[in-house]
Amino acid sequence: MSDDEARRFALEHGHYREDLPFYRTAAARLGSPVLDLGAATGRLALPLARDGAEVWALDRSPAMRAELRRALAGEPPDVRARVRVVGGDMRRLALDRRFPLVVIAMNTLQALTDPDDQLAALRGAREHLAPGGELIFDVALPDPAEIAGSLGVERPGGRHRDPASGRRLRHSAWYDSWDPVTQTLEFTLRVVEDGGGGPPEERLRRHRVHVFTPSELLHLLARAGLRPLTVEGDFAGGPVTAASERQVYRCAAAEGG
């Protein structure tokens, strides 16, 4: 990933704030430091640090880390001091530190499409939990029939205006391919951006992700030595139902795990 791509990632994802109150409440309840796995450009790490939490923001992309450091440069000194930017891969965690809260936010776990990688990441998170600590993550709740029945159909997404640049962005997406055996989904995100004085700019982002069923996740967590404390269908604490769009897990280390 280039530095420009990391800047665009921050621009294109900065509007997503639905989960922030949930994770901020968790950090206030459990305390510091917080380990933010797949922190990217700091969408979550920065609000937590502004709240007063110490955050270890781990990402394997040098460009993402550089963009986070650039964003930190515009923060007050006390906020900058509370964020530690860490290079690393969540599949191979070795930080010599335990945390009361480990977070894998915004579907980041789904980027791991290999089962061995998924298990390694969850085991690593469990090994970095302090006594009484929690791993909290969220992933999408799949509807395989809906996916298979709408391949290639472009659907409108959100619109938002970046407050810093004033640029307006419009999102849409479509599914490219779906493997029901491996539960691997490939999709394309279209981002149209205007407001810069010239013609609108269009970019296509292609993604490959794993979609987790609830039963699969429960089995995977057990193998990783984790036990769910709560499983919810949204960030407000609602139940997981057929109409839910996501799964939100709070987990602790299993006894003997």
C-alpha atoms as a PDB file:
ATOM      1  CA  MET A   1       0.000   0.000   0.000  1.00  0.00           C
ATOM      2  CA  SER A   2       1.279   3.462  -0.914  1.00  0.00           C
ATOM      3  CA  ASP A   3       1.137   6.586   1.226  1.00  0.00           C
ATOM      4  CA  ASP A   4      -1.524   7.995  -1.106  1.00  0.00           C
ATOM      5  CA  GLU A   5      -3.653   4.867  -0.716  1.00  0.00           C
ATOM      6  CA  ALA A   6      -3.412   5.146   3.063  1.00  0.00           C
ATOM      7  CA  ARG A   7      -4.560   8.777   2.915  1.00  0.00           C
ATOM      8  CA  ARG A   8      -7.456   7.765   0.729  1.00  0.00           C
ATOM      9  CA  PHE A   9      -8.349   4.969   3.147  1.00  0.00           C
ATOM     10  CA  ALA A  10      -8.569   7.531   5.963  1.00  0.00           C
ATOM     11  CA  LEU A  11     -10.725   9.807   3.820  1.00  0.00           C
ATOM     12  CA  GLU A  12     -13.041   7.037   2.660  1.00  0.00           C
ATOM     13  CA  HIS A  13     -13.551   5.396   6.073  1.00  0.00           C
ATOM     14  CA  GLY A  14     -13.438   8.329   8.447  1.00  0.00           C
ATOM     15  CA  HIS A  15     -17.213   8.839   8.248  1.00  0.00           C
ATOM     16  CA  TYR A  16     -17.924   5.457   9.858  1.00  0.00           C
ATOM     17  CA  ARG A  17     -18.614   6.228  13.523  1.00  0.00           C
ATOM     18  CA  GLU A  18     -21.447   3.852  14.371  1.00  0.00           C
ATOM     19  CA  ASP A  19     -19.239   1.703  16.596  1.00  0.00           C
ATOM     20  CA  LEU A  20     -17.301   4.456  18.370  1.00  0.00           C
ATOM     21  CA  PRO A  21     -19.603   4.942  21.401  1.00  0.00           C
ATOM     22  CA  PHE A  22     -19.567   1.166  21.990  1.00  0.00           C
ATOM     23  CA  TYR A  23     -15.774   0.834  21.945  1.00  0.00           C
ATOM     24  CA  ARG A  24     -15.260   4.054  23.907  1.00  0.00           C
ATOM     25  CA  THR A  25     -17.559   2.749  26.631  1.00  0.00           C
ATOM     26  CA  ALA A  26     -15.658  -0.553  26.703  1.00  0.00           C
ATOM     27  CA  ALA A  27     -12.328   1.258  27.069  1.00  0.00           C
ATOM     28  CA  ALA A  28     -13.671   3.405  29.901  1.00  0.00           C
ATOM     29  CA  ARG A  29     -14.978   0.299  31.662  1.00  0.00           C
ATOM     30  CA  LEU A  30     -11.907  -1.914  31.266  1.00  0.00           C
ATOM     31  CA  GLY A  31      -9.101   0.642  31.412  1.00  0.00           C
ATOM     32  CA  SER A  32      -5.762   1.098  29.652  1.00  0.00           C
ATOM     33  CA  PRO A  33      -3.799   0.256  27.723  1.00  0.00           C
ATOM     34  CA  VAL A  34      -5.999  -0.766  24.803  1.00  0.00           C
ATOM     35  CA  LEU A  35      -4.540  -2.906  22.020  1.00  0.00           C
ATOM     36  CA  ASP A  36      -6.152  -1.918  18.702  1.00  0.00           C
ATOM     37  CA  LEU A  37      -5.392  -4.672  16.178  1.00  0.00           C
ATOM     38  CA  GLY A  38      -5.501  -3.619  12.534  1.00  0.00           C
ATOM     39  CA  ALA A  39      -5.615   0.001  13.678  1.00  0.00           C
ATOM     40  CA  ALA A  40      -5.056   1.336  10.137  1.00  0.00           C
ATOM     41  CA  THR A  41      -5.015   5.160  10.182  1.00  0.00           C
ATOM     42  CA  GLY A  42      -6.407   5.522  13.705  1.00  0.00           C
ATOM     43  CA  ARG A  43     -10.154   5.759  13.127  1.00  0.00           C
ATOM     44  CA  LEU A  44     -10.682   4.162  16.555  1.00  0.00           C
ATOM     45  CA  ALA A  45      -7.343   4.770  18.269  1.00  0.00           C
ATOM     46  CA  LEU A  46      -7.599   8.553  18.088  1.00  0.00           C
ATOM     47  CA  PRO A  47     -11.035   8.880  19.756  1.00  0.00           C
ATOM     48  CA  LEU A  48      -9.939   6.471  22.506  1.00  0.00           C
ATOM     49  CA  ALA A  49      -6.796   8.515  23.117  1.00  0.00           C
ATOM     50  CA  ARG A  50      -8.812  11.739  23.195  1.00  0.00           C
ATOM     51  CA  ASP A  51     -10.905  10.128  25.918  1.00  0.00           C
ATOM     52  CA  GLY A  52      -7.765   9.569  27.973  1.00  0.00           C
ATOM     53  CA  ALA A  53      -6.976   5.932  27.117  1.00  0.00           C
ATOM     54  CA  GLU A  54      -3.483   4.735  26.338  1.00  0.00           C
ATOM     55  CA  VAL A  55      -3.667   2.938  22.989  1.00  0.00           C
ATOM     56  CA  TRP A  56      -1.256   0.585  21.259  1.00  0.00           C
ATOM     57  CA  ALA A  57      -2.245   0.952  17.587  1.00  0.00           C
ATOM     58  CA  LEU A  58      -0.915  -2.058  15.695  1.00  0.00           C
ATOM     59  CA  ASP A  59      -0.913  -2.361  11.923  1.00  0.00           C
ATOM     60  CA  ARG A  60       1.322  -4.250   9.505  1.00  0.00           C
ATOM     61  CA  SER A  61       1.203  -1.571   6.776  1.00  0.00           C
ATOM     62  CA  PRO A  62       3.980   1.046   6.971  1.00  0.00           C
ATOM     63  CA  ALA A  63       1.826   3.440   4.947  1.00  0.00           C
ATOM     64  CA  MET A  64      -1.106   3.091   7.365  1.00  0.00           C
ATOM     65  CA  ARG A  65       1.200   3.713  10.299  1.00  0.00           C
ATOM     66  CA  ALA A  66       2.712   6.744   8.602  1.00  0.00           C
ATOM     67  CA  GLU A  67      -0.753   8.201   7.995  1.00  0.00           C
ATOM     68  CA  LEU A  68      -1.657   7.616  11.640  1.00  0.00           C
ATOM     69  CA  ARG A  69       1.495   9.433  12.720  1.00  0.00           C
ATOM     70  CA  ARG A  70       0.583  12.294  10.384  1.00  0.00           C
ATOM     71  CA  ALA A  71      -2.866  12.508  11.992  1.00  0.00           C
ATOM     72  CA  LEU A  72      -1.299  12.387  15.448  1.00  0.00           C
ATOM     73  CA  ALA A  73       0.869  15.374  14.595  1.00  0.00           C
ATOM     74  CA  GLY A  74      -2.281  17.492  14.558  1.00  0.00           C
ATOM     75  CA  GLU A  75      -3.414  16.334  17.996  1.00  0.00           C
ATOM     76  CA  PRO A  76      -2.601  17.989  21.351  1.00  0.00           C
ATOM     77  CA  PRO A  77       0.592  16.743  23.033  1.00  0.00           C
ATOM     78  CA  ASP A  78      -1.286  14.749  25.680  1.00  0.00           C
ATOM     79  CA  VAL A  79      -3.221  12.824  23.008  1.00  0.00           C
ATOM     80  CA  ARG A  80      -0.063  12.152  20.982  1.00  0.00           C
ATOM     81  CA  ALA A  81       1.632  10.815  24.104  1.00  0.00           C
ATOM     82  CA  ARG A  82      -1.144   8.275  24.686  1.00  0.00           C
ATOM     83  CA  VAL A  83      -0.861   6.561  21.263  1.00  0.00           C
ATOM     84  CA  ARG A  84       1.909   4.078  20.591  1.00  0.00           C
ATOM     85  CA  VAL A  85       2.079   3.196  16.882  1.00  0.00           C
ATOM     86  CA  VAL A  86       3.252  -0.405  16.547  1.00  0.00           C
ATOM     87  CA  GLY A  87       4.320  -2.289  13.437  1.00  0.00           C
ATOM     88  CA  GLY A  88       3.183  -5.886  13.521  1.00  0.00           C
ATOM     89  CA  ASP A  89       0.934  -8.616  12.189  1.00  0.00           C
ATOM     90  CA  MET A  90      -2.002  -9.703  14.335  1.00  0.00           C
ATOM     91  CA  ARG A  91      -1.395 -13.291  13.222  1.00  0.00           C
ATOM     92  CA  ARG A  92       1.995 -13.225  14.954  1.00  0.00           C
ATOM     93  CA  LEU A  93       1.581 -11.126  18.087  1.00  0.00           C
ATOM     94  CA  ALA A  94       4.558 -10.902  20.420  1.00  0.00           C
ATOM     95  CA  LEU A  95       4.347  -7.621  22.338  1.00  0.00           C
ATOM     96  CA  ASP A  96       5.572  -8.730  25.780  1.00  0.00           C
ATOM     97  CA  ARG A  97       2.638  -6.858  27.312  1.00  0.00           C
ATOM     98  CA  ARG A  98      -0.876  -7.744  28.424  1.00  0.00           C
ATOM     99  CA  PHE A  99      -3.910  -5.552  27.954  1.00  0.00           C
ATOM    100  CA  PRO A 100      -7.260  -5.183  29.737  1.00  0.00           C
ATOM    101  CA  LEU A 101      -8.881  -4.617  26.344  1.00  0.00           C
ATOM    102  CA  VAL A 102      -7.966  -5.976  22.902  1.00  0.00           C
ATOM    103  CA  VAL A 103     -10.066  -4.714  19.992  1.00  0.00           C
ATOM    104  CA  ILE A 104     -10.485  -5.945  16.408  1.00  0.00           C
ATOM    105  CA  ALA A 105     -12.955  -3.442  14.982  1.00  0.00           C
ATOM    106  CA  MET A 106     -14.833  -2.756  11.740  1.00  0.00           C
ATOM    107  CA  ASN A 107     -14.813  -6.273  10.261  1.00  0.00           C
ATOM    108  CA  THR A 108     -11.006  -6.442  10.373  1.00  0.00           C
ATOM    109  CA  LEU A 109     -11.020 -10.115  11.358  1.00  0.00           C
ATOM    110  CA  GLN A 110     -12.758 -10.884   8.051  1.00  0.00           C
ATOM    111  CA  ALA A 111      -9.635  -9.849   6.139  1.00  0.00           C
ATOM    112  CA  LEU A 112      -8.105 -13.142   7.314  1.00  0.00           C
ATOM    113  CA  THR A 113      -9.452 -15.675   4.828  1.00  0.00           C
ATOM    114  CA  ASP A 114      -7.225 -18.582   5.881  1.00  0.00           C
ATOM    115  CA  PRO A 115      -8.563 -20.610   8.857  1.00  0.00           C
ATOM    116  CA  ASP A 116      -5.063 -21.009  10.318  1.00  0.00           C
ATOM    117  CA  ASP A 117      -4.593 -17.234  10.236  1.00  0.00           C
ATOM    118  CA  GLN A 118      -7.940 -16.652  11.933  1.00  0.00           C
ATOM    119  CA  LEU A 119      -7.048 -19.064  14.713  1.00  0.00           C
ATOM    120  CA  ALA A 120      -3.565 -17.598  15.134  1.00  0.00           C
ATOM    121  CA  ALA A 121      -4.938 -14.067  15.465  1.00  0.00           C
ATOM    122  CA  LEU A 122      -7.512 -15.062  18.069  1.00  0.00           C
ATOM    123  CA  ARG A 123      -4.999 -17.118  20.041  1.00  0.00           C
ATOM    124  CA  GLY A 124      -2.570 -14.208  19.960  1.00  0.00           C
ATOM    125  CA  ALA A 125      -5.247 -11.840  21.206  1.00  0.00           C
ATOM    126  CA  ARG A 126      -6.093 -14.210  24.060  1.00  0.00           C
ATOM    127  CA  GLU A 127      -2.431 -14.541  25.038  1.00  0.00           C
ATOM    128  CA  HIS A 128      -2.198 -10.745  25.307  1.00  0.00           C
ATOM    129  CA  LEU A 129      -5.203 -10.362  27.616  1.00  0.00           C
ATOM    130  CA  ALA A 130      -4.539  -9.202  31.165  1.00  0.00           C
ATOM    131  CA  PRO A 131      -6.368 -11.090  33.945  1.00  0.00           C
ATOM    132  CA  GLY A 132     -10.018 -10.136  33.664  1.00  0.00           C
ATOM    133  CA  GLY A 133      -9.391  -8.594  30.243  1.00  0.00           C
ATOM    134  CA  GLU A 134     -11.650  -8.806  27.210  1.00  0.00           C
ATOM    135  CA  LEU A 135     -11.273  -9.271  23.468  1.00  0.00           C
ATOM    136  CA  ILE A 136     -14.023  -7.367  21.665  1.00  0.00           C
ATOM    137  CA  PHE A 137     -14.595  -7.571  17.920  1.00  0.00           C
ATOM    138  CA  ASP A 138     -17.309  -7.182  15.331  1.00  0.00           C
ATOM    139  CA  VAL A 139     -17.908  -8.870  11.979  1.00  0.00           C
ATOM    140  CA  ALA A 140     -20.728  -8.875   9.454  1.00  0.00           C
ATOM    141  CA  LEU A 141     -23.546 -11.407   9.764  1.00  0.00           C
ATOM    142  CA  PRO A 142     -23.786 -13.139   6.374  1.00  0.00           C
ATOM    143  CA  ASP A 143     -26.879 -14.080   4.423  1.00  0.00           C
ATOM    144  CA  PRO A 144     -25.540 -16.676   1.938  1.00  0.00           C
ATOM    145  CA  ALA A 145     -28.760 -16.788  -0.055  1.00  0.00           C
ATOM    146  CA  GLU A 146     -28.775 -13.005  -0.443  1.00  0.00           C
ATOM    147  CA  ILE A 147     -25.115 -13.007  -1.484  1.00  0.00           C
ATOM    148  CA  ALA A 148     -25.579 -15.745  -4.088  1.00  0.00           C
ATOM    149  CA  GLY A 149     -28.726 -14.113  -5.446  1.00  0.00           C
ATOM    150  CA  SER A 150     -27.269 -10.641  -5.934  1.00  0.00           C
ATOM    151  CA  LEU A 151     -23.867 -11.281  -7.510  1.00  0.00           C
ATOM    152  CA  GLY A 152     -22.948  -8.406  -9.799  1.00  0.00           C
ATOM    153  CA  VAL A 153     -25.793  -6.160  -8.654  1.00  0.00           C
ATOM    154  CA  GLU A 154     -24.473  -2.723  -7.702  1.00  0.00           C
ATOM    155  CA  ARG A 155     -26.060  -1.254  -4.609  1.00  0.00           C
ATOM    156  CA  PRO A 156     -25.852   2.317  -3.413  1.00  0.00           C
ATOM    157  CA  GLY A 157     -24.037   2.951  -0.177  1.00  0.00           C
ATOM    158  CA  GLY A 158     -23.589   6.089   1.837  1.00  0.00           C
ATOM    159  CA  ARG A 159     -22.741   9.665   1.009  1.00  0.00           C
ATOM    160  CA  HIS A 160     -20.637  11.877   3.207  1.00  0.00           C
ATOM    161  CA  ARG A 161     -18.614  15.062   3.216  1.00  0.00           C
ATOM    162  CA  ASP A 162     -15.100  15.102   4.614  1.00  0.00           C
ATOM    163  CA  PRO A 163     -15.044  17.964   7.150  1.00  0.00           C
ATOM    164  CA  ALA A 164     -11.331  18.634   6.705  1.00  0.00           C
ATOM    165  CA  SER A 165     -11.188  18.909   2.908  1.00  0.00           C
ATOM    166  CA  GLY A 166     -14.830  19.594   2.078  1.00  0.00           C
ATOM    167  CA  ARG A 167     -14.747  16.832  -0.526  1.00  0.00           C
ATOM    168  CA  ARG A 168     -17.934  14.821  -1.068  1.00  0.00           C
ATOM    169  CA  LEU A 169     -17.803  11.044  -1.415  1.00  0.00           C
ATOM    170  CA  ARG A 170     -20.407   8.609  -2.713  1.00  0.00           C
ATOM    171  CA  HIS A 171     -20.114   4.845  -2.144  1.00  0.00           C
ATOM    172  CA  SER A 172     -21.622   1.837  -3.887  1.00  0.00           C
ATOM    173  CA  ALA A 173     -20.634  -1.827  -4.022  1.00  0.00           C
ATOM    174  CA  TRP A 174     -21.328  -5.173  -5.646  1.00  0.00           C
ATOM    175  CA  TYR A 175     -20.405  -8.809  -5.031  1.00  0.00           C
ATOM    176  CA  ASP A 176     -17.998 -10.286  -7.566  1.00  0.00           C
ATOM    177  CA  SER A 177     -17.782 -13.919  -6.437  1.00  0.00           C
ATOM    178  CA  TRP A 178     -18.861 -16.153  -3.588  1.00  0.00           C
ATOM    179  CA  ASP A 179     -17.483 -19.544  -2.518  1.00  0.00           C
ATOM    180  CA  PRO A 180     -19.977 -21.163  -0.131  1.00  0.00           C
ATOM    181  CA  VAL A 181     -17.504 -23.914   0.793  1.00  0.00           C
ATOM    182  CA  THR A 182     -14.737 -21.639   2.047  1.00  0.00           C
ATOM    183  CA  GLN A 183     -17.160 -18.772   2.804  1.00  0.00           C
ATOM    184  CA  THR A 184     -14.914 -16.429   0.873  1.00  0.00           C
ATOM    185  CA  LEU A 185     -16.525 -13.343  -0.641  1.00  0.00           C
ATOM    186  CA  GLU A 186     -14.982 -11.025  -3.207  1.00  0.00           C
ATOM    187  CA  PHE A 187     -16.594  -7.634  -3.739  1.00  0.00           C
ATOM    188  CA  THR A 188     -15.841  -4.259  -5.284  1.00  0.00           C
ATOM    189  CA  LEU A 189     -16.395  -0.887  -3.633  1.00  0.00           C
ATOM    190  CA  ARG A 190     -16.862   2.098  -5.931  1.00  0.00           C
ATOM    191  CA  VAL A 191     -15.990   5.513  -4.457  1.00  0.00           C
ATOM    192  CA  VAL A 192     -16.832   8.671  -6.406  1.00  0.00           C
ATOM    193  CA  GLU A 193     -15.282  11.831  -5.007  1.00  0.00           C
ATOM    194  CA  ASP A 194     -15.903  15.434  -6.022  1.00  0.00           C
ATOM    195  CA  GLY A 195     -15.585  18.918  -4.609  1.00  0.00           C
ATOM    196  CA  GLY A 196     -11.944  19.422  -5.452  1.00  0.00           C
ATOM    197  CA  GLY A 197     -12.566  21.922  -8.254  1.00  0.00           C
ATOM    198  CA  GLY A 198     -12.157  19.404 -11.066  1.00  0.00           C
ATOM    199  CA  PRO A 199     -14.275  16.572 -12.469  1.00  0.00           C
ATOM    200  CA  PRO A 200     -15.396  13.804 -10.078  1.00  0.00           C
ATOM    201  CA  GLU A 201     -12.802  11.113  -9.432  1.00  0.00           C
ATOM    202  CA  GLU A 202     -13.801   7.449  -9.359  1.00  0.00           C
ATOM    203  CA  ARG A 203     -11.870   4.671  -7.637  1.00  0.00           C
ATOM    204  CA  LEU A 204     -12.568   0.973  -7.383  1.00  0.00           C
ATOM    205  CA  ARG A 205     -11.480  -0.965  -4.275  1.00  0.00           C
ATOM    206  CA  ARG A 206     -11.510  -4.741  -4.603  1.00  0.00           C
ATOM    207  CA  HIS A 207     -11.730  -6.800  -1.421  1.00  0.00           C
ATOM    208  CA  ARG A 208     -11.540 -10.468  -0.497  1.00  0.00           C
ATOM    209  CA  VAL A 209     -12.980 -11.419   2.885  1.00  0.00           C
ATOM    210  CA  HIS A 210     -14.214 -14.349   4.931  1.00  0.00           C
ATOM    211  CA  VAL A 211     -17.785 -14.248   6.207  1.00  0.00           C
ATOM    212  CA  PHE A 212     -18.318 -15.913   9.567  1.00  0.00           C
ATOM    213  CA  THR A 213     -21.446 -17.730  10.630  1.00  0.00           C
ATOM    214  CA  PRO A 214     -22.262 -17.580  14.361  1.00  0.00           C
ATOM    215  CA  SER A 215     -21.722 -21.311  14.848  1.00  0.00           C
ATOM    216  CA  GLU A 216     -18.360 -21.156  13.084  1.00  0.00           C
ATOM    217  CA  LEU A 217     -17.219 -18.304  15.300  1.00  0.00           C
ATOM    218  CA  LEU A 218     -18.228 -20.064  18.493  1.00  0.00           C
ATOM    219  CA  HIS A 219     -16.205 -23.105  17.441  1.00  0.00           C
ATOM    220  CA  LEU A 220     -13.233 -20.948  16.438  1.00  0.00           C
ATOM    221  CA  LEU A 221     -13.283 -19.045  19.728  1.00  0.00           C
ATOM    222  CA  ALA A 222     -13.331 -22.290  21.698  1.00  0.00           C
ATOM    223  CA  ARG A 223     -10.289 -23.569  19.790  1.00  0.00           C
ATOM    224  CA  ALA A 224      -8.525 -20.273  20.503  1.00  0.00           C
ATOM    225  CA  GLY A 225      -9.128 -20.612  24.247  1.00  0.00           C
ATOM    226  CA  LEU A 226     -11.753 -17.879  24.405  1.00  0.00           C
ATOM    227  CA  ARG A 227     -15.275 -17.886  25.808  1.00  0.00           C
ATOM    228  CA  PRO A 228     -17.968 -15.418  24.707  1.00  0.00           C
ATOM    229  CA  LEU A 229     -19.313 -13.174  27.434  1.00  0.00           C
ATOM    230  CA  THR A 230     -21.937 -11.608  25.181  1.00  0.00           C
ATOM    231  CA  VAL A 231     -22.908 -11.986  21.517  1.00  0.00           C
ATOM    232  CA  GLU A 232     -25.014  -9.142  20.176  1.00  0.00           C
ATOM    233  CA  GLY A 233     -26.528  -8.142  16.859  1.00  0.00           C
ATOM    234  CA  ASP A 234     -25.666  -4.451  17.004  1.00  0.00           C
ATOM    235  CA  PHE A 235     -23.697  -1.929  19.015  1.00  0.00           C
ATOM    236  CA  ALA A 236     -26.732  -1.072  21.136  1.00  0.00           C
ATOM    237  CA  GLY A 237     -26.881  -4.544  22.684  1.00  0.00           C
ATOM    238  CA  GLY A 238     -29.690  -6.014  20.599  1.00  0.00           C
ATOM    239  CA  PRO A 239     -29.923  -9.770  19.985  1.00  0.00           C
ATOM    240  CA  VAL A 240     -28.562 -11.538  16.933  1.00  0.00           C
ATOM    241  CA  THR A 241     -31.514 -12.215  14.628  1.00  0.00           C
ATOM    242  CA  ALA A 242     -32.013 -13.080  10.974  1.00  0.00           C
ATOM    243  CA  ALA A 243     -32.361  -9.335  10.308  1.00  0.00           C
ATOM    244  CA  SER A 244     -29.086  -8.392  12.010  1.00  0.00           C
ATOM    245  CA  GLU A 245     -26.315  -7.015   9.838  1.00  0.00           C
ATOM    246  CA  ARG A 246     -23.453  -7.715  12.254  1.00  0.00           C
ATOM    247  CA  GLN A 247     -22.201  -9.811  15.141  1.00  0.00           C
ATOM    248  CA  VAL A 248     -20.513  -8.155  18.123  1.00  0.00           C
ATOM    249  CA  TYR A 249     -18.516 -10.385  20.494  1.00  0.00           C
ATOM    250  CA  ARG A 250     -17.139  -9.718  23.975  1.00  0.00           C
ATOM    251  CA  CYS A 251     -14.799 -12.548  24.960  1.00  0.00           C
ATOM    252  CA  ALA A 252     -12.621 -13.551  27.887  1.00  0.00           C
ATOM    253  CA  ALA A 253      -9.898 -16.171  28.208  1.00  0.00           C
ATOM    254  CA  ALA A 254     -11.388 -19.577  28.911  1.00  0.00           C
ATOM    255  CA  GLU A 255     -10.317 -21.325  32.085  1.00  0.00           C
ATOM    256  CA  GLY A 256      -7.229 -23.334  31.295  1.00  0.00           C
ATOM    257  CA  GLY A 257      -7.003 -21.592  27.918  1.00  0.00           C
END
